[in-house]
Each structure stands twice: as structure tokens, then as C-alpha cells.
């Protein structure tokens, strides 16, 4: 499979025509929208055939529900097919060090998106939460011949286990696993449990890519501190990838990030678990009232779009 990297993702501005085009494409692929359309058309057709309106409405409702369910099943199948193809590619990259993928670990399609980000040859990658992503990212950086990975891990035993895997794979020259226990701290006006501030302070001052797959979502805003703490260190054009995007907590977190940081563009990738991708643009700018309303309505109608394959949907 060919992974297409869109140039528009890093554009400085977008026209309303482009925004409305994205919204139209998203609506057409929405199971809810397609189901509603099918229900209305079916009910109107049977009503025109002189069916009693309650029967026509009942048939329309069943048709709409069936249409939406079939479309969701189709999208799930397409995601699994793409993911299966990515599994072979990711396994080839990792070689003998390939860990189990899926379930609690990352899905292969998320690994493919990581590879897409690393194609820009970043100098510094920071990862929140260690595991299969650590080995994959380090292996790709080593292959690039450029860049270094800093991984924050809250569990001391697991951090040591990942260090051993990194050593066994011969990746210690490009990867540093940092044990940073979760500690109570104040970020803004909020009290949170996040990685030890003293350990986080040791990270480089300029970061090109951030991978957010931890800490565990034991609280509603468990991963929100990541960008609040690291945003000032993001280099222009830096990317942030957030796994588990189909979960409500992750969606609320990235929407809040975008609302609080006017220099971030938000994109969605239709992976198995769902991936949010944020890009730091060159300058801060106010989105304006119309844009804010547009974003709010679009998220309310379809908070986690699907059915777009590998193409990112800007939010």
C-alpha cells in the first residue's frame, strides 16, 4: 500500500471553500448521515406508493438503521484490510525485534503513521508511554541516520524491560528510556498526575515529533498535560500523534488542545483505534467566530469521522 502524505496539512491558511469541501466529504461518508438520507428517501417512496404514513415511516426507519450499520461494518472491514497490510510492513522494519502488535499495543497502521512523520528526518522525538512504538521509532531513526528518541515511562519495571529490548535490538545509540513516575502537580489551574517534572525538564528544548500513547487513561484528562507542558518546546512544523483517538477522553483532549493553542492544526486519520494528528503552524492566529462555530458544529455532528482511508481530515 502507498501512504500518501498531503502537502495541505502544513499550509498556513485554508479557504472556506476547502473547509466546506471537507465537511461535505465527511457528511457523505458519515453512517449517520447516509442512514438518515436512506430513511427519508425510503419513507417518501413508500408514502408515494400510497402506503399508510406510519408503515412508510417504519420501513424508512428500518432501512436507515440497516444502511448505517452496513456502512459502519464496511468501514471497519476496510480499516482491518489496511491494517493487515501495514502489519507485514512494520514487521519487516522491526525484524527479529518485532513485539506483539494490536490489543494493548499499537496497531500496525499507527506504526505506519509514525513512519510517515519520521520521513521528514526529525532531530528529536519525544514519546509518552513506551512499548512497541519505542522499538519502531528507534529503528526508523537509526535507519534514517539522524534523530534521537526520548521515551517517558511511568512504570519502573516496564521501563527496564523496554531498555533491555532496546539494548537487544542495538538501538541504544538513538533511544533513551526515561523512568518518570506519575506525580501530583499543578498545571495551569488543574491538579493532575503526570510524569515527574524533574525528569521532563531533562528533555531537549526543541522537539520535532511527540507521540502520545500514555500515561494510562485512569482519569478523564490523563493525557492532557502532554501538550500543556511540551507546547513551548515544539519546533515550527512539529507534529503530535495521539493514539486511541476513538475514545472520548482522547477526542476531548485534542479538541481542548486546539482551543487553547491557536497555532495548532488538527487532523484525523481513520486508523483502527483512530489517530489525531496536530501540527504546529508558524504563527499564532485567532480562528475567528465563524471558524469556531464551524468547528463546534462539525464536531457535534461527527466527533470522530471515519471512512477516509489514509487521507487526513482537517478539523
C-alpha atoms as a PDB file:
ATOM      1  CA  UNK A   1       0.000   0.000   0.000  1.00  0.00           C
ATOM      2  CA  UNK A   2       1.126   3.538  -0.680  1.00  0.00           C
ATOM      3  CA  UNK A   3       0.925   6.044   2.150  1.00  0.00           C
ATOM      4  CA  UNK A   4       0.113   9.485   0.776  1.00  0.00           C
ATOM      5  CA  UNK A   5       1.434  12.494   2.666  1.00  0.00           C
ATOM      6  CA  UNK A   6      -0.673  15.547   1.940  1.00  0.00           C
ATOM      7  CA  UNK A   7       1.012  18.895   1.480  1.00  0.00           C
ATOM      8  CA  UNK A   8      -2.105  20.764   2.605  1.00  0.00           C
ATOM      9  CA  UNK A   9      -1.582  19.517   6.161  1.00  0.00           C
ATOM     10  CA  UNK A  10       1.145  22.131   6.662  1.00  0.00           C
ATOM     11  CA  UNK A  11      -0.486  25.006   4.839  1.00  0.00           C
ATOM     12  CA  UNK A  12      -0.763  28.322   6.686  1.00  0.00           C
ATOM     13  CA  UNK A  13      -4.376  29.028   5.848  1.00  0.00           C
ATOM     14  CA  UNK A  14      -7.414  27.379   4.306  1.00  0.00           C
ATOM     15  CA  UNK A  15     -10.255  28.860   2.366  1.00  0.00           C
ATOM     16  CA  UNK A  16     -13.866  28.433   3.338  1.00  0.00           C
ATOM     17  CA  UNK A  17     -14.341  26.505   0.121  1.00  0.00           C
ATOM     18  CA  UNK A  18     -11.779  23.939   1.301  1.00  0.00           C
ATOM     19  CA  UNK A  19     -13.420  23.735   4.730  1.00  0.00           C
ATOM     20  CA  UNK A  20     -16.873  23.218   3.254  1.00  0.00           C
ATOM     21  CA  UNK A  21     -15.476  20.658   0.829  1.00  0.00           C
ATOM     22  CA  UNK A  22     -14.048  18.671   3.738  1.00  0.00           C
ATOM     23  CA  UNK A  23     -17.340  18.913   5.613  1.00  0.00           C
ATOM     24  CA  UNK A  24     -19.282  17.746   2.544  1.00  0.00           C
ATOM     25  CA  UNK A  25     -16.961  14.764   2.036  1.00  0.00           C
ATOM     26  CA  UNK A  26     -17.209  13.909   5.711  1.00  0.00           C
ATOM     27  CA  UNK A  27     -21.013  14.118   5.676  1.00  0.00           C
ATOM     28  CA  UNK A  28     -21.268  11.884   2.630  1.00  0.00           C
ATOM     29  CA  UNK A  29     -19.195   9.204   4.337  1.00  0.00           C
ATOM     30  CA  UNK A  30     -20.954   9.500   7.703  1.00  0.00           C
ATOM     31  CA  UNK A  31     -23.015   6.394   8.544  1.00  0.00           C
ATOM     32  CA  UNK A  32     -25.488   8.546  10.459  1.00  0.00           C
ATOM     33  CA  UNK A  33     -25.984  10.981   7.582  1.00  0.00           C
ATOM     34  CA  UNK A  34     -26.249   8.223   4.983  1.00  0.00           C
ATOM     35  CA  UNK A  35     -28.664   6.303   7.193  1.00  0.00           C
ATOM     36  CA  UNK A  36     -30.848   9.369   7.688  1.00  0.00           C
ATOM     37  CA  UNK A  37     -30.875  10.046   3.948  1.00  0.00           C
ATOM     38  CA  UNK A  38     -31.836   6.447   3.213  1.00  0.00           C
ATOM     39  CA  UNK A  39     -34.607   6.570   5.814  1.00  0.00           C
ATOM     40  CA  UNK A  40     -36.131   9.766   4.393  1.00  0.00           C
ATOM     41  CA  UNK A  41     -35.937   8.579   0.793  1.00  0.00           C
ATOM     42  CA  UNK A  42     -37.392   5.159   1.639  1.00  0.00           C
ATOM     43  CA  UNK A  43     -40.251   6.598   3.673  1.00  0.00           C
ATOM     44  CA  UNK A  44     -41.057   9.117   0.916  1.00  0.00           C
ATOM     45  CA  UNK A  45     -41.038   6.372  -1.724  1.00  0.00           C
ATOM     46  CA  UNK A  46     -43.458   4.117   0.153  1.00  0.00           C
ATOM     47  CA  UNK A  47     -45.637   7.075   1.089  1.00  0.00           C
ATOM     48  CA  UNK A  48     -45.817   7.997  -2.594  1.00  0.00           C
ATOM     49  CA  UNK A  49     -46.967   4.420  -3.255  1.00  0.00           C
ATOM     50  CA  UNK A  50     -49.968   5.208  -1.035  1.00  0.00           C
ATOM     51  CA  UNK A  51     -48.752   3.322   1.991  1.00  0.00           C
ATOM     52  CA  UNK A  52     -50.189   4.484   5.313  1.00  0.00           C
ATOM     53  CA  UNK A  53     -47.725   7.025   6.702  1.00  0.00           C
ATOM     54  CA  UNK A  54     -46.916   5.073   9.868  1.00  0.00           C
ATOM     55  CA  UNK A  55     -45.978   1.975   7.863  1.00  0.00           C
ATOM     56  CA  UNK A  56     -43.938   4.079   5.457  1.00  0.00           C
ATOM     57  CA  UNK A  57     -42.126   5.727   8.362  1.00  0.00           C
ATOM     58  CA  UNK A  58     -41.446   2.335   9.992  1.00  0.00           C
ATOM     59  CA  UNK A  59     -39.989   0.914   6.793  1.00  0.00           C
ATOM     60  CA  UNK A  60     -37.906   4.061   6.352  1.00  0.00           C
ATOM     61  CA  UNK A  61     -36.544   3.779   9.890  1.00  0.00           C
ATOM     62  CA  UNK A  62     -35.532   0.145   9.399  1.00  0.00           C
ATOM     63  CA  UNK A  63     -33.911   0.985   6.068  1.00  0.00           C
ATOM     64  CA  UNK A  64     -31.935   3.850   7.591  1.00  0.00           C
ATOM     65  CA  UNK A  65     -30.694   1.812  10.543  1.00  0.00           C
ATOM     66  CA  UNK A  66     -29.657  -1.031   8.232  1.00  0.00           C
ATOM     67  CA  UNK A  67     -27.851   1.357   5.877  1.00  0.00           C
ATOM     68  CA  UNK A  68     -25.882   2.949   8.731  1.00  0.00           C
ATOM     69  CA  UNK A  69     -24.962  -0.444  10.224  1.00  0.00           C
ATOM     70  CA  UNK A  70     -23.763  -1.803   6.865  1.00  0.00           C
ATOM     71  CA  UNK A  71     -21.668   1.294   6.255  1.00  0.00           C
ATOM     72  CA  UNK A  72     -20.013   1.056   9.680  1.00  0.00           C
ATOM     73  CA  UNK A  73     -19.242  -2.617   9.019  1.00  0.00           C
ATOM     74  CA  UNK A  74     -17.769  -1.703   5.622  1.00  0.00           C
ATOM     75  CA  UNK A  75     -15.501   0.917   7.168  1.00  0.00           C
ATOM     76  CA  UNK A  76     -14.345  -1.496   9.874  1.00  0.00           C
ATOM     77  CA  UNK A  77     -13.502  -4.060   7.187  1.00  0.00           C
ATOM     78  CA  UNK A  78     -11.541  -1.510   5.153  1.00  0.00           C
ATOM     79  CA  UNK A  79      -9.571  -0.479   8.241  1.00  0.00           C
ATOM     80  CA  UNK A  80      -8.713  -4.085   9.072  1.00  0.00           C
ATOM     81  CA  UNK A  81      -7.601  -4.761   5.492  1.00  0.00           C
ATOM     82  CA  UNK A  82      -5.292  -1.728   5.529  1.00  0.00           C
ATOM     83  CA  UNK A  83      -4.064  -2.687   8.993  1.00  0.00           C
ATOM     84  CA  UNK A  84      -3.209  -6.224   7.867  1.00  0.00           C
ATOM     85  CA  UNK A  85      -1.112  -4.862   5.036  1.00  0.00           C
ATOM     86  CA  UNK A  86       0.660  -2.493   7.419  1.00  0.00           C
ATOM     87  CA  UNK A  87       1.415  -5.360   9.821  1.00  0.00           C
ATOM     88  CA  UNK A  88       3.686  -7.003   7.279  1.00  0.00           C
ATOM     89  CA  UNK A  89       5.488  -3.725   6.559  1.00  0.00           C
ATOM     90  CA  UNK A  90       6.022  -2.862  10.232  1.00  0.00           C
ATOM     91  CA  UNK A  91       7.240  -6.393  10.987  1.00  0.00           C
ATOM     92  CA  UNK A  92       9.771  -6.103   8.167  1.00  0.00           C
ATOM     93  CA  UNK A  93      11.062  -2.814   9.610  1.00  0.00           C
ATOM     94  CA  UNK A  94      11.463  -4.273  13.095  1.00  0.00           C
ATOM     95  CA  UNK A  95      12.831  -7.646  12.035  1.00  0.00           C
ATOM     96  CA  UNK A  96      13.624 -10.029  14.883  1.00  0.00           C
ATOM     97  CA  UNK A  97      12.722  -7.377  17.472  1.00  0.00           C
ATOM     98  CA  UNK A  98       9.058  -7.230  16.399  1.00  0.00           C
ATOM     99  CA  UNK A  99       6.856  -7.269  19.543  1.00  0.00           C
ATOM    100  CA  UNK A 100       3.204  -8.353  19.520  1.00  0.00           C
ATOM    101  CA  UNK A 101       1.030  -5.674  17.911  1.00  0.00           C
ATOM    102  CA  UNK A 102      -2.638  -4.875  18.463  1.00  0.00           C
ATOM    103  CA  UNK A 103      -4.756  -5.241  21.627  1.00  0.00           C
ATOM    104  CA  UNK A 104      -2.908  -3.249  24.326  1.00  0.00           C
ATOM    105  CA  UNK A 105      -0.004  -2.494  21.988  1.00  0.00           C
ATOM    106  CA  UNK A 106      -0.261  -0.177  18.998  1.00  0.00           C
ATOM    107  CA  UNK A 107      -1.943  -1.316  15.815  1.00  0.00           C
ATOM    108  CA  UNK A 108       0.315  -1.577  12.742  1.00  0.00           C
ATOM    109  CA  UNK A 109      -1.490   1.289  10.976  1.00  0.00           C
ATOM    110  CA  UNK A 110      -0.468   3.669  13.779  1.00  0.00           C
ATOM    111  CA  UNK A 111       3.098   2.469  13.282  1.00  0.00           C
ATOM    112  CA  UNK A 112       2.781   3.331   9.606  1.00  0.00           C
ATOM    113  CA  UNK A 113       1.745   6.881  10.523  1.00  0.00           C
ATOM    114  CA  UNK A 114       4.794   7.151  12.773  1.00  0.00           C
ATOM    115  CA  UNK A 115       6.960   6.198   9.806  1.00  0.00           C
ATOM    116  CA  UNK A 116       5.267   8.926   7.774  1.00  0.00           C
ATOM    117  CA  UNK A 117       6.243  11.538  10.375  1.00  0.00           C
ATOM    118  CA  UNK A 118       9.812  10.282  10.594  1.00  0.00           C
ATOM    119  CA  UNK A 119      10.189  10.590   6.812  1.00  0.00           C
ATOM    120  CA  UNK A 120      10.815  14.314   7.460  1.00  0.00           C
ATOM    121  CA  UNK A 121      14.023  13.360   9.329  1.00  0.00           C
ATOM    122  CA  UNK A 122      13.277  14.902  12.742  1.00  0.00           C
ATOM    123  CA  UNK A 123      16.114  15.548  15.170  1.00  0.00           C
ATOM    124  CA  UNK A 124      14.174  14.988  18.416  1.00  0.00           C
ATOM    125  CA  UNK A 125      11.213  12.679  19.051  1.00  0.00           C
ATOM    126  CA  UNK A 126       9.534  12.515  22.465  1.00  0.00           C
ATOM    127  CA  UNK A 127       7.264   9.620  23.356  1.00  0.00           C
ATOM    128  CA  UNK A 128       4.779   9.470  26.241  1.00  0.00           C
ATOM    129  CA  UNK A 129       4.409   5.801  27.135  1.00  0.00           C
ATOM    130  CA  UNK A 130       6.851   3.096  25.991  1.00  0.00           C
ATOM    131  CA  UNK A 131       6.352  -0.189  24.164  1.00  0.00           C
ATOM    132  CA  UNK A 132       6.223  -1.276  20.533  1.00  0.00           C
ATOM    133  CA  UNK A 133       6.333   2.368  19.413  1.00  0.00           C
ATOM    134  CA  UNK A 134       9.685   2.752  21.161  1.00  0.00           C
ATOM    135  CA  UNK A 135      11.322  -0.049  19.188  1.00  0.00           C
ATOM    136  CA  UNK A 136       9.725   1.001  15.911  1.00  0.00           C
ATOM    137  CA  UNK A 137      10.588   4.696  16.250  1.00  0.00           C
ATOM    138  CA  UNK A 138      14.158   3.987  17.322  1.00  0.00           C
ATOM    139  CA  UNK A 139      14.656   1.524  14.455  1.00  0.00           C
ATOM    140  CA  UNK A 140      13.412   4.064  11.911  1.00  0.00           C
ATOM    141  CA  UNK A 141      15.571   6.847  13.344  1.00  0.00           C
ATOM    142  CA  UNK A 142      18.607   4.588  13.199  1.00  0.00           C
ATOM    143  CA  UNK A 143      17.789   3.753   9.586  1.00  0.00           C
ATOM    144  CA  UNK A 144      17.458   7.485   8.812  1.00  0.00           C
ATOM    145  CA  UNK A 145      20.905   8.071  10.270  1.00  0.00           C
ATOM    146  CA  UNK A 146      19.530  11.076  12.120  1.00  0.00           C
ATOM    147  CA  UNK A 147      17.486  11.884  15.218  1.00  0.00           C
ATOM    148  CA  UNK A 148      17.090  10.658  18.775  1.00  0.00           C
ATOM    149  CA  UNK A 149      14.136   9.317  20.750  1.00  0.00           C
ATOM    150  CA  UNK A 150      13.352  10.187  24.375  1.00  0.00           C
ATOM    151  CA  UNK A 151      10.694   7.952  25.926  1.00  0.00           C
ATOM    152  CA  UNK A 152       8.851   8.725  29.171  1.00  0.00           C
ATOM    153  CA  UNK A 153       7.598   5.652  31.063  1.00  0.00           C
ATOM    154  CA  UNK A 154       5.856   5.803  34.454  1.00  0.00           C
ATOM    155  CA  UNK A 155       6.243   2.109  35.370  1.00  0.00           C
ATOM    156  CA  UNK A 156       9.762   1.392  36.598  1.00  0.00           C
ATOM    157  CA  UNK A 157       9.740  -2.353  35.884  1.00  0.00           C
ATOM    158  CA  UNK A 158       8.303  -1.858  32.414  1.00  0.00           C
ATOM    159  CA  UNK A 159      10.820   0.899  31.670  1.00  0.00           C
ATOM    160  CA  UNK A 160      13.669  -1.509  32.480  1.00  0.00           C
ATOM    161  CA  UNK A 161      12.067  -4.184  30.312  1.00  0.00           C
ATOM    162  CA  UNK A 162      11.888  -1.795  27.358  1.00  0.00           C
ATOM    163  CA  UNK A 163      15.513  -0.752  27.956  1.00  0.00           C
ATOM    164  CA  UNK A 164      16.528  -4.393  27.683  1.00  0.00           C
ATOM    165  CA  UNK A 165      14.612  -4.722  24.417  1.00  0.00           C
ATOM    166  CA  UNK A 166      16.279  -1.578  23.094  1.00  0.00           C
ATOM    167  CA  UNK A 167      19.711  -2.938  24.005  1.00  0.00           C
ATOM    168  CA  UNK A 168      18.943  -6.311  22.435  1.00  0.00           C
ATOM    169  CA  UNK A 169      17.902  -4.589  19.211  1.00  0.00           C
ATOM    170  CA  UNK A 170      21.080  -2.496  19.148  1.00  0.00           C
ATOM    171  CA  UNK A 171      19.209   0.818  19.376  1.00  0.00           C
ATOM    172  CA  UNK A 172      20.797   2.421  22.455  1.00  0.00           C
ATOM    173  CA  UNK A 173      22.590   4.989  20.307  1.00  0.00           C
ATOM    174  CA  UNK A 174      19.291   6.578  19.217  1.00  0.00           C
ATOM    175  CA  UNK A 175      16.938   5.833  22.132  1.00  0.00           C
ATOM    176  CA  UNK A 176      16.804   6.810  25.807  1.00  0.00           C
ATOM    177  CA  UNK A 177      14.075   5.336  28.016  1.00  0.00           C
ATOM    178  CA  UNK A 178      13.407   7.644  30.965  1.00  0.00           C
ATOM    179  CA  UNK A 179      11.670   6.348  34.080  1.00  0.00           C
ATOM    180  CA  UNK A 180       9.393   9.211  35.135  1.00  0.00           C
ATOM    181  CA  UNK A 181       6.826   8.204  37.787  1.00  0.00           C
ATOM    182  CA  UNK A 182       3.459   9.918  37.829  1.00  0.00           C
ATOM    183  CA  UNK A 183       3.462  12.627  40.482  1.00  0.00           C
ATOM    184  CA  UNK A 184       0.769  15.070  41.650  1.00  0.00           C
ATOM    185  CA  UNK A 185       1.427  18.517  40.204  1.00  0.00           C
ATOM    186  CA  UNK A 186      -0.362  21.684  39.183  1.00  0.00           C
ATOM    187  CA  UNK A 187      -0.553  22.567  35.501  1.00  0.00           C
ATOM    188  CA  UNK A 188      -2.384  25.814  34.896  1.00  0.00           C
ATOM    189  CA  UNK A 189      -5.364  25.779  37.219  1.00  0.00           C
ATOM    190  CA  UNK A 190      -5.596  21.996  37.326  1.00  0.00           C
ATOM    191  CA  UNK A 191      -4.190  19.402  39.688  1.00  0.00           C
ATOM    192  CA  UNK A 192      -3.062  16.361  37.694  1.00  0.00           C
ATOM    193  CA  UNK A 193      -0.904  13.247  37.943  1.00  0.00           C
ATOM    194  CA  UNK A 194       1.695  13.279  35.185  1.00  0.00           C
ATOM    195  CA  UNK A 195       5.318  12.407  34.545  1.00  0.00           C
ATOM    196  CA  UNK A 196       7.787  13.698  37.143  1.00  0.00           C
ATOM    197  CA  UNK A 197       8.548  17.326  36.285  1.00  0.00           C
ATOM    198  CA  UNK A 198      12.233  16.902  37.111  1.00  0.00           C
ATOM    199  CA  UNK A 199      12.555  14.128  34.527  1.00  0.00           C
ATOM    200  CA  UNK A 200      10.570  16.054  31.921  1.00  0.00           C
ATOM    201  CA  UNK A 201      12.851  19.067  32.428  1.00  0.00           C
ATOM    202  CA  UNK A 202      15.754  16.971  31.118  1.00  0.00           C
ATOM    203  CA  UNK A 203      14.164  16.710  27.650  1.00  0.00           C
ATOM    204  CA  UNK A 204      15.662  18.784  24.798  1.00  0.00           C
ATOM    205  CA  UNK A 205      14.448  22.352  24.346  1.00  0.00           C
ATOM    206  CA  UNK A 206      13.344  21.806  20.743  1.00  0.00           C
ATOM    207  CA  UNK A 207      11.083  18.873  19.820  1.00  0.00           C
ATOM    208  CA  UNK A 208      10.032  17.849  16.299  1.00  0.00           C
ATOM    209  CA  UNK A 209       7.617  14.962  16.936  1.00  0.00           C
ATOM    210  CA  UNK A 210       5.595  13.962  20.011  1.00  0.00           C
ATOM    211  CA  UNK A 211       3.940  10.536  20.271  1.00  0.00           C
ATOM    212  CA  UNK A 212       1.174  10.402  22.890  1.00  0.00           C
ATOM    213  CA  UNK A 213       0.221   6.867  23.940  1.00  0.00           C
ATOM    214  CA  UNK A 214       0.458   7.293  27.709  1.00  0.00           C
ATOM    215  CA  UNK A 215       0.120   7.537  30.590  1.00  0.00           C
ATOM    216  CA  UNK A 216      -2.788   5.093  31.108  1.00  0.00           C
ATOM    217  CA  UNK A 217      -6.189   6.771  30.835  1.00  0.00           C
ATOM    218  CA  UNK A 218      -7.028   6.329  34.520  1.00  0.00           C
ATOM    219  CA  UNK A 219      -8.518   9.848  34.687  1.00  0.00           C
ATOM    220  CA  UNK A 220     -10.552  11.891  32.186  1.00  0.00           C
ATOM    221  CA  UNK A 221      -7.672  14.256  31.425  1.00  0.00           C
ATOM    222  CA  UNK A 222      -4.770  11.829  31.953  1.00  0.00           C
ATOM    223  CA  UNK A 223      -3.033  12.779  28.685  1.00  0.00           C
ATOM    224  CA  UNK A 224      -3.983  16.447  28.543  1.00  0.00           C
ATOM    225  CA  UNK A 225      -0.785  17.666  30.317  1.00  0.00           C
ATOM    226  CA  UNK A 226       1.406  16.463  27.425  1.00  0.00           C
ATOM    227  CA  UNK A 227       0.883  19.490  25.226  1.00  0.00           C
ATOM    228  CA  UNK A 228       0.461  21.920  28.108  1.00  0.00           C
ATOM    229  CA  UNK A 229       3.952  21.005  29.295  1.00  0.00           C
ATOM    230  CA  UNK A 230       5.683  20.499  25.936  1.00  0.00           C
ATOM    231  CA  UNK A 231       3.980  23.065  23.678  1.00  0.00           C
ATOM    232  CA  UNK A 232       6.667  25.736  24.226  1.00  0.00           C
ATOM    233  CA  UNK A 233       9.302  23.243  23.096  1.00  0.00           C
ATOM    234  CA  UNK A 234       7.598  22.302  19.834  1.00  0.00           C
ATOM    235  CA  UNK A 235       9.552  23.468  16.803  1.00  0.00           C
ATOM    236  CA  UNK A 236       7.628  25.164  13.947  1.00  0.00           C
ATOM    237  CA  UNK A 237       6.023  22.415  11.870  1.00  0.00           C
ATOM    238  CA  UNK A 238       6.274  19.908  14.715  1.00  0.00           C
ATOM    239  CA  UNK A 239       3.749  17.066  14.773  1.00  0.00           C
ATOM    240  CA  UNK A 240       1.871  15.415  17.626  1.00  0.00           C
ATOM    241  CA  UNK A 241       0.336  11.959  17.097  1.00  0.00           C
ATOM    242  CA  UNK A 242      -2.316  10.782  19.572  1.00  0.00           C
ATOM    243  CA  UNK A 243      -3.300   7.104  19.571  1.00  0.00           C
ATOM    244  CA  UNK A 244      -6.663   5.690  20.783  1.00  0.00           C
ATOM    245  CA  UNK A 245      -8.489   8.553  19.102  1.00  0.00           C
ATOM    246  CA  UNK A 246     -11.835   6.753  19.047  1.00  0.00           C
ATOM    247  CA  UNK A 247     -12.043   7.052  22.821  1.00  0.00           C
ATOM    248  CA  UNK A 248     -13.992  10.010  24.094  1.00  0.00           C
ATOM    249  CA  UNK A 249     -11.278  11.179  26.513  1.00  0.00           C
ATOM    250  CA  UNK A 250      -8.686  11.437  23.756  1.00  0.00           C
ATOM    251  CA  UNK A 251     -11.085  13.329  21.480  1.00  0.00           C
ATOM    252  CA  UNK A 252     -11.978  15.813  24.208  1.00  0.00           C
ATOM    253  CA  UNK A 253      -8.281  16.256  24.970  1.00  0.00           C
ATOM    254  CA  UNK A 254      -7.239  17.136  21.417  1.00  0.00           C
ATOM    255  CA  UNK A 255     -10.235  19.461  20.948  1.00  0.00           C
ATOM    256  CA  UNK A 256      -9.204  21.258  24.105  1.00  0.00           C
ATOM    257  CA  UNK A 257      -5.607  21.482  22.906  1.00  0.00           C
ATOM    258  CA  UNK A 258      -6.698  23.110  19.681  1.00  0.00           C
ATOM    259  CA  UNK A 259      -8.988  25.530  21.514  1.00  0.00           C
ATOM    260  CA  UNK A 260      -6.193  26.554  23.890  1.00  0.00           C
ATOM    261  CA  UNK A 261      -3.393  26.735  21.293  1.00  0.00           C
ATOM    262  CA  UNK A 262      -4.248  28.839  18.263  1.00  0.00           C
ATOM    263  CA  UNK A 263      -1.121  27.707  16.386  1.00  0.00           C
ATOM    264  CA  UNK A 264      -2.256  24.069  16.136  1.00  0.00           C
ATOM    265  CA  UNK A 265      -3.999  22.427  13.188  1.00  0.00           C
ATOM    266  CA  UNK A 266      -5.954  19.278  13.978  1.00  0.00           C
ATOM    267  CA  UNK A 267      -6.327  16.293  11.645  1.00  0.00           C
ATOM    268  CA  UNK A 268      -7.983  12.889  11.853  1.00  0.00           C
ATOM    269  CA  UNK A 269      -6.693   9.587  10.427  1.00  0.00           C
ATOM    270  CA  UNK A 270      -9.094   6.674  10.064  1.00  0.00           C
ATOM    271  CA  UNK A 271      -6.919   4.008  11.708  1.00  0.00           C
ATOM    272  CA  UNK A 272      -8.228   1.008  13.649  1.00  0.00           C
ATOM    273  CA  UNK A 273      -8.014   2.775  17.015  1.00  0.00           C
ATOM    274  CA  UNK A 274      -8.289   6.249  15.493  1.00  0.00           C
ATOM    275  CA  UNK A 275      -5.441   8.766  15.337  1.00  0.00           C
ATOM    276  CA  UNK A 276      -5.478  12.502  15.982  1.00  0.00           C
ATOM    277  CA  UNK A 277      -2.612  14.469  14.468  1.00  0.00           C
ATOM    278  CA  UNK A 278      -1.765  18.046  15.424  1.00  0.00           C
ATOM    279  CA  UNK A 279       0.648  20.255  13.519  1.00  0.00           C
ATOM    280  CA  UNK A 280       2.228  23.418  14.881  1.00  0.00           C
ATOM    281  CA  UNK A 281       1.928  26.191  12.318  1.00  0.00           C
ATOM    282  CA  UNK A 282       4.355  29.078  12.061  1.00  0.00           C
ATOM    283  CA  UNK A 283       2.284  31.790  13.744  1.00  0.00           C
ATOM    284  CA  UNK A 284      -0.482  32.098  16.272  1.00  0.00           C
ATOM    285  CA  UNK A 285      -3.772  33.416  14.953  1.00  0.00           C
ATOM    286  CA  UNK A 286      -7.314  33.693  16.195  1.00  0.00           C
ATOM    287  CA  UNK A 287      -9.666  31.301  14.389  1.00  0.00           C
ATOM    288  CA  UNK A 288     -12.438  33.914  14.395  1.00  0.00           C
ATOM    289  CA  UNK A 289     -16.046  33.473  15.394  1.00  0.00           C
ATOM    290  CA  UNK A 290     -17.299  31.849  12.134  1.00  0.00           C
ATOM    291  CA  UNK A 291     -14.479  29.288  12.154  1.00  0.00           C
ATOM    292  CA  UNK A 292     -15.034  28.497  15.829  1.00  0.00           C
ATOM    293  CA  UNK A 293     -18.755  27.932  15.235  1.00  0.00           C
ATOM    294  CA  UNK A 294     -17.988  25.798  12.168  1.00  0.00           C
ATOM    295  CA  UNK A 295     -15.587  23.611  14.144  1.00  0.00           C
ATOM    296  CA  UNK A 296     -18.032  23.259  17.032  1.00  0.00           C
ATOM    297  CA  UNK A 297     -20.944  22.214  14.808  1.00  0.00           C
ATOM    298  CA  UNK A 298     -18.820  19.793  12.827  1.00  0.00           C
ATOM    299  CA  UNK A 299     -17.532  18.086  15.955  1.00  0.00           C
ATOM    300  CA  UNK A 300     -21.007  17.858  17.421  1.00  0.00           C
ATOM    301  CA  UNK A 301     -22.342  16.232  14.268  1.00  0.00           C
ATOM    302  CA  UNK A 302     -19.409  13.857  13.784  1.00  0.00           C
ATOM    303  CA  UNK A 303     -16.785  13.956  16.570  1.00  0.00           C
ATOM    304  CA  UNK A 304     -14.757  11.038  15.174  1.00  0.00           C
ATOM    305  CA  UNK A 305     -15.031  10.875  11.356  1.00  0.00           C
ATOM    306  CA  UNK A 306     -14.437   7.615   9.567  1.00  0.00           C
ATOM    307  CA  UNK A 307     -14.236   6.095   6.127  1.00  0.00           C
ATOM    308  CA  UNK A 308     -11.496   8.344   4.751  1.00  0.00           C
ATOM    309  CA  UNK A 309      -8.744   5.763   4.408  1.00  0.00           C
ATOM    310  CA  UNK A 310      -5.260   7.237   4.729  1.00  0.00           C
ATOM    311  CA  UNK A 311      -6.204  10.788   3.889  1.00  0.00           C
ATOM    312  CA  UNK A 312      -6.236  13.137   6.886  1.00  0.00           C
ATOM    313  CA  UNK A 313      -9.365  15.140   7.565  1.00  0.00           C
ATOM    314  CA  UNK A 314      -8.620  18.611   8.898  1.00  0.00           C
ATOM    315  CA  UNK A 315     -10.776  19.551  11.878  1.00  0.00           C
END
